[in-house]
N, C-alpha and C. Protein backbone atom coordinates (compact mmCIF):
# COMPACT_ATOMS: atom_id res chain seq x y z
N MET A 1 0.83 -1.18 0.00
CA MET A 1 0.00 0.00 0.00
C MET A 1 0.88 1.25 0.00
N SER A 2 0.42 2.24 -0.73
CA SER A 2 1.18 3.49 -0.80
C SER A 2 0.88 4.36 0.42
N GLY A 3 1.58 5.46 0.50
CA GLY A 3 1.42 6.36 1.64
C GLY A 3 0.03 6.97 1.71
N LEU A 4 -0.53 7.35 0.54
CA LEU A 4 -1.87 7.93 0.53
C LEU A 4 -2.93 6.91 0.93
N GLU A 5 -2.72 5.66 0.57
CA GLU A 5 -3.68 4.63 0.98
C GLU A 5 -3.66 4.44 2.49
N TRP A 6 -2.48 4.51 3.09
CA TRP A 6 -2.39 4.40 4.55
C TRP A 6 -3.10 5.57 5.23
N VAL A 7 -2.93 6.76 4.67
CA VAL A 7 -3.60 7.94 5.22
C VAL A 7 -5.12 7.77 5.10
N GLY A 8 -5.58 7.32 3.95
CA GLY A 8 -7.01 7.12 3.74
C GLY A 8 -7.60 6.08 4.68
N VAL A 9 -6.90 4.98 4.85
CA VAL A 9 -7.38 3.92 5.75
C VAL A 9 -7.38 4.41 7.20
N THR A 10 -6.37 5.16 7.58
CA THR A 10 -6.31 5.70 8.94
C THR A 10 -7.46 6.67 9.19
N LEU A 11 -7.73 7.55 8.23
CA LEU A 11 -8.86 8.47 8.37
C LEU A 11 -10.18 7.71 8.43
N LEU A 12 -10.31 6.67 7.65
CA LEU A 12 -11.54 5.87 7.65
C LEU A 12 -11.75 5.17 8.99
N ILE A 13 -10.70 4.62 9.54
CA ILE A 13 -10.80 3.96 10.85
C ILE A 13 -11.14 4.98 11.94
N ALA A 14 -10.53 6.15 11.88
CA ALA A 14 -10.83 7.20 12.86
C ALA A 14 -12.29 7.65 12.73
N GLY A 15 -12.78 7.78 11.50
CA GLY A 15 -14.18 8.15 11.30
C GLY A 15 -15.13 7.12 11.86
N CYS A 16 -14.81 5.85 11.65
CA CYS A 16 -15.64 4.77 12.21
C CYS A 16 -15.61 4.79 13.72
N PHE A 17 -14.46 5.13 14.32
CA PHE A 17 -14.37 5.24 15.77
C PHE A 17 -15.30 6.32 16.29
N PHE A 18 -15.34 7.47 15.63
CA PHE A 18 -16.21 8.55 16.09
C PHE A 18 -17.68 8.22 15.89
N TYR A 19 -18.02 7.51 14.82
CA TYR A 19 -19.39 7.04 14.65
C TYR A 19 -19.77 6.09 15.79
N LEU A 20 -18.87 5.20 16.14
CA LEU A 20 -19.12 4.27 17.25
C LEU A 20 -19.27 5.03 18.57
N ALA A 21 -18.43 6.02 18.80
CA ALA A 21 -18.52 6.82 20.03
C ALA A 21 -19.85 7.57 20.10
N GLY A 22 -20.31 8.11 18.99
CA GLY A 22 -21.60 8.80 18.97
C GLY A 22 -22.75 7.85 19.23
N THR A 23 -22.67 6.66 18.69
CA THR A 23 -23.72 5.67 18.91
C THR A 23 -23.74 5.21 20.37
N ILE A 24 -22.58 5.01 20.95
CA ILE A 24 -22.52 4.65 22.37
C ILE A 24 -23.07 5.78 23.24
N GLY A 25 -22.74 7.02 22.89
CA GLY A 25 -23.30 8.16 23.62
C GLY A 25 -24.81 8.24 23.49
N LEU A 26 -25.33 7.92 22.33
CA LEU A 26 -26.78 7.91 22.13
C LEU A 26 -27.45 6.86 23.01
N LEU A 27 -26.82 5.72 23.15
CA LEU A 27 -27.41 4.64 23.93
C LEU A 27 -27.19 4.79 25.43
N ARG A 28 -26.10 5.41 25.85
CA ARG A 28 -25.74 5.43 27.27
C ARG A 28 -26.27 6.64 28.03
N PHE A 29 -26.32 7.81 27.38
CA PHE A 29 -26.70 9.02 28.11
C PHE A 29 -28.19 9.02 28.38
N GLY A 30 -28.57 9.69 29.47
CA GLY A 30 -29.95 9.63 29.94
C GLY A 30 -30.90 10.63 29.30
N ASP A 31 -30.54 11.91 29.30
CA ASP A 31 -31.51 12.90 28.82
C ASP A 31 -31.29 13.21 27.33
N VAL A 32 -32.27 13.85 26.78
CA VAL A 32 -32.28 14.12 25.33
C VAL A 32 -31.13 15.03 24.92
N HIS A 33 -30.87 16.04 25.72
CA HIS A 33 -29.85 17.02 25.33
C HIS A 33 -28.45 16.41 25.34
N SER A 34 -28.15 15.56 26.31
CA SER A 34 -26.85 14.89 26.32
C SER A 34 -26.72 13.93 25.15
N ARG A 35 -27.79 13.24 24.83
CA ARG A 35 -27.77 12.32 23.69
C ARG A 35 -27.53 13.07 22.39
N LEU A 36 -28.23 14.19 22.23
CA LEU A 36 -28.05 14.98 21.00
C LEU A 36 -26.64 15.53 20.91
N HIS A 37 -26.09 15.98 22.02
CA HIS A 37 -24.75 16.54 22.00
C HIS A 37 -23.73 15.47 21.59
N ALA A 38 -23.83 14.31 22.21
CA ALA A 38 -22.89 13.23 21.87
C ALA A 38 -23.05 12.79 20.42
N LEU A 39 -24.27 12.67 20.00
CA LEU A 39 -24.52 12.16 18.65
C LEU A 39 -24.09 13.15 17.58
N THR A 40 -24.48 14.42 17.71
CA THR A 40 -24.17 15.37 16.64
C THR A 40 -22.68 15.69 16.58
N LYS A 41 -22.04 15.85 17.72
CA LYS A 41 -20.60 16.18 17.69
C LYS A 41 -19.78 15.03 17.12
N ALA A 42 -20.01 13.83 17.63
CA ALA A 42 -19.21 12.70 17.18
C ALA A 42 -19.52 12.32 15.73
N ASP A 43 -20.79 12.35 15.37
CA ASP A 43 -21.15 11.96 14.01
C ASP A 43 -20.70 12.98 12.97
N ASN A 44 -20.71 14.26 13.30
CA ASN A 44 -20.22 15.25 12.36
C ASN A 44 -18.72 15.10 12.13
N LEU A 45 -17.98 14.83 13.20
CA LEU A 45 -16.55 14.60 13.04
C LEU A 45 -16.29 13.29 12.30
N GLY A 46 -17.08 12.26 12.61
CA GLY A 46 -16.94 10.99 11.90
C GLY A 46 -17.23 11.13 10.42
N LEU A 47 -18.27 11.89 10.08
CA LEU A 47 -18.59 12.11 8.66
C LEU A 47 -17.47 12.87 7.96
N MET A 48 -16.89 13.86 8.65
CA MET A 48 -15.79 14.60 8.05
C MET A 48 -14.59 13.69 7.77
N LEU A 49 -14.28 12.83 8.73
CA LEU A 49 -13.14 11.94 8.56
C LEU A 49 -13.38 10.91 7.46
N VAL A 50 -14.60 10.38 7.38
CA VAL A 50 -14.92 9.42 6.32
C VAL A 50 -14.87 10.10 4.95
N CYS A 51 -15.42 11.31 4.85
CA CYS A 51 -15.35 12.04 3.58
C CYS A 51 -13.92 12.39 3.20
N ALA A 52 -13.11 12.75 4.19
CA ALA A 52 -11.70 13.04 3.92
C ALA A 52 -10.97 11.78 3.45
N ALA A 53 -11.29 10.64 4.06
CA ALA A 53 -10.66 9.38 3.64
C ALA A 53 -11.04 9.04 2.21
N LEU A 54 -12.31 9.19 1.88
CA LEU A 54 -12.75 8.89 0.52
C LEU A 54 -12.14 9.86 -0.49
N ALA A 55 -11.98 11.13 -0.08
CA ALA A 55 -11.36 12.10 -0.98
C ALA A 55 -9.89 11.76 -1.22
N VAL A 56 -9.20 11.34 -0.17
CA VAL A 56 -7.79 10.96 -0.33
C VAL A 56 -7.67 9.72 -1.20
N LEU A 57 -8.53 8.75 -0.97
CA LEU A 57 -8.46 7.50 -1.73
C LEU A 57 -8.88 7.66 -3.19
N SER A 58 -9.76 8.63 -3.47
CA SER A 58 -10.21 8.81 -4.85
C SER A 58 -9.15 9.53 -5.69
N ALA A 59 -8.40 10.45 -5.08
CA ALA A 59 -7.36 11.22 -5.76
C ALA A 59 -7.91 12.01 -6.96
N ASP A 60 -9.15 12.47 -6.84
CA ASP A 60 -9.78 13.27 -7.89
C ASP A 60 -10.38 14.51 -7.23
N TRP A 61 -10.08 15.70 -7.78
CA TRP A 61 -10.55 16.94 -7.18
C TRP A 61 -12.06 17.09 -7.27
N ARG A 62 -12.67 16.59 -8.34
CA ARG A 62 -14.13 16.71 -8.47
C ARG A 62 -14.83 15.88 -7.41
N ILE A 63 -14.35 14.69 -7.18
CA ILE A 63 -14.96 13.84 -6.16
C ILE A 63 -14.71 14.44 -4.78
N ALA A 64 -13.54 15.00 -4.55
CA ALA A 64 -13.24 15.64 -3.26
C ALA A 64 -14.17 16.83 -3.03
N ALA A 65 -14.45 17.61 -4.06
CA ALA A 65 -15.36 18.74 -3.93
C ALA A 65 -16.78 18.27 -3.62
N LEU A 66 -17.20 17.19 -4.27
CA LEU A 66 -18.53 16.65 -3.97
C LEU A 66 -18.61 16.10 -2.55
N LEU A 67 -17.53 15.52 -2.06
CA LEU A 67 -17.51 15.02 -0.69
C LEU A 67 -17.55 16.16 0.32
N VAL A 68 -16.92 17.28 0.00
CA VAL A 68 -17.03 18.46 0.87
C VAL A 68 -18.47 18.94 0.90
N LEU A 69 -19.13 18.93 -0.24
CA LEU A 69 -20.53 19.31 -0.30
C LEU A 69 -21.40 18.35 0.52
N VAL A 70 -21.13 17.06 0.43
CA VAL A 70 -21.86 16.07 1.22
C VAL A 70 -21.66 16.34 2.71
N TRP A 71 -20.43 16.65 3.11
CA TRP A 71 -20.15 16.91 4.52
C TRP A 71 -20.87 18.17 4.98
N LEU A 72 -20.86 19.23 4.18
CA LEU A 72 -21.55 20.46 4.57
C LEU A 72 -23.06 20.26 4.67
N LEU A 73 -23.62 19.52 3.75
CA LEU A 73 -25.06 19.23 3.82
C LEU A 73 -25.38 18.35 5.03
N GLY A 74 -24.49 17.43 5.37
CA GLY A 74 -24.67 16.62 6.58
C GLY A 74 -24.62 17.47 7.83
N LEU A 75 -23.70 18.45 7.87
CA LEU A 75 -23.64 19.37 9.00
C LEU A 75 -24.93 20.17 9.13
N LEU A 76 -25.43 20.65 8.02
CA LEU A 76 -26.67 21.43 8.03
C LEU A 76 -27.84 20.58 8.49
N ALA A 77 -27.96 19.37 7.98
CA ALA A 77 -29.07 18.50 8.36
C ALA A 77 -28.99 18.12 9.83
N ALA A 78 -27.80 17.83 10.33
CA ALA A 78 -27.66 17.46 11.75
C ALA A 78 -27.98 18.64 12.66
N THR A 79 -27.56 19.83 12.26
CA THR A 79 -27.83 21.02 13.06
C THR A 79 -29.32 21.30 13.15
N VAL A 80 -29.98 21.28 12.03
CA VAL A 80 -31.41 21.58 12.01
C VAL A 80 -32.21 20.51 12.75
N SER A 81 -31.91 19.25 12.51
CA SER A 81 -32.67 18.20 13.17
C SER A 81 -32.41 18.18 14.68
N ALA A 82 -31.17 18.40 15.11
CA ALA A 82 -30.88 18.44 16.55
C ALA A 82 -31.58 19.63 17.21
N HIS A 83 -31.61 20.76 16.53
CA HIS A 83 -32.30 21.93 17.07
C HIS A 83 -33.80 21.66 17.22
N LEU A 84 -34.40 21.05 16.22
CA LEU A 84 -35.83 20.75 16.29
C LEU A 84 -36.15 19.74 17.39
N ILE A 85 -35.33 18.72 17.53
CA ILE A 85 -35.56 17.72 18.57
C ILE A 85 -35.39 18.34 19.95
N ALA A 86 -34.35 19.15 20.14
CA ALA A 86 -34.13 19.79 21.44
C ALA A 86 -35.24 20.76 21.78
N ARG A 87 -35.71 21.51 20.80
CA ARG A 87 -36.80 22.45 21.06
C ARG A 87 -38.08 21.72 21.42
N HIS A 88 -38.35 20.63 20.74
CA HIS A 88 -39.55 19.83 21.03
C HIS A 88 -39.44 19.19 22.42
N ALA A 89 -38.25 18.71 22.79
CA ALA A 89 -38.06 18.09 24.10
C ALA A 89 -38.20 19.14 25.21
N ARG A 90 -37.70 20.33 24.98
CA ARG A 90 -37.82 21.38 25.99
C ARG A 90 -39.27 21.82 26.16
N ARG A 91 -39.98 21.90 25.05
CA ARG A 91 -41.38 22.31 25.11
C ARG A 91 -42.24 21.28 25.84
N ASP A 92 -41.92 19.99 25.67
CA ASP A 92 -42.67 18.94 26.33
C ASP A 92 -42.21 18.69 27.77
N GLY A 93 -41.15 19.38 28.20
CA GLY A 93 -40.67 19.23 29.56
C GLY A 93 -39.82 18.01 29.81
N ASP A 94 -39.22 17.46 28.76
CA ASP A 94 -38.39 16.28 28.93
C ASP A 94 -36.99 16.67 29.34
């Protein structure tokens, strides 16, 4: 394996670790706000690392640009959905 492949695999493993950490936080924490915090922070970082790994492994600027767009849209979707869930939980007194 070349140097770039090692970098890509390392980024991919790190991204999977953060996805696993976010999932464990979702299952272990008690209240809604702690669960959302663990899930959104870890999953956004995991998505960034997975997209970076795929961009490194593809070695194409167009694919890397599309992966940046995927990551930004994932950030936007996670932010909006976490805000809506937290607002609904606060309104219901959870």
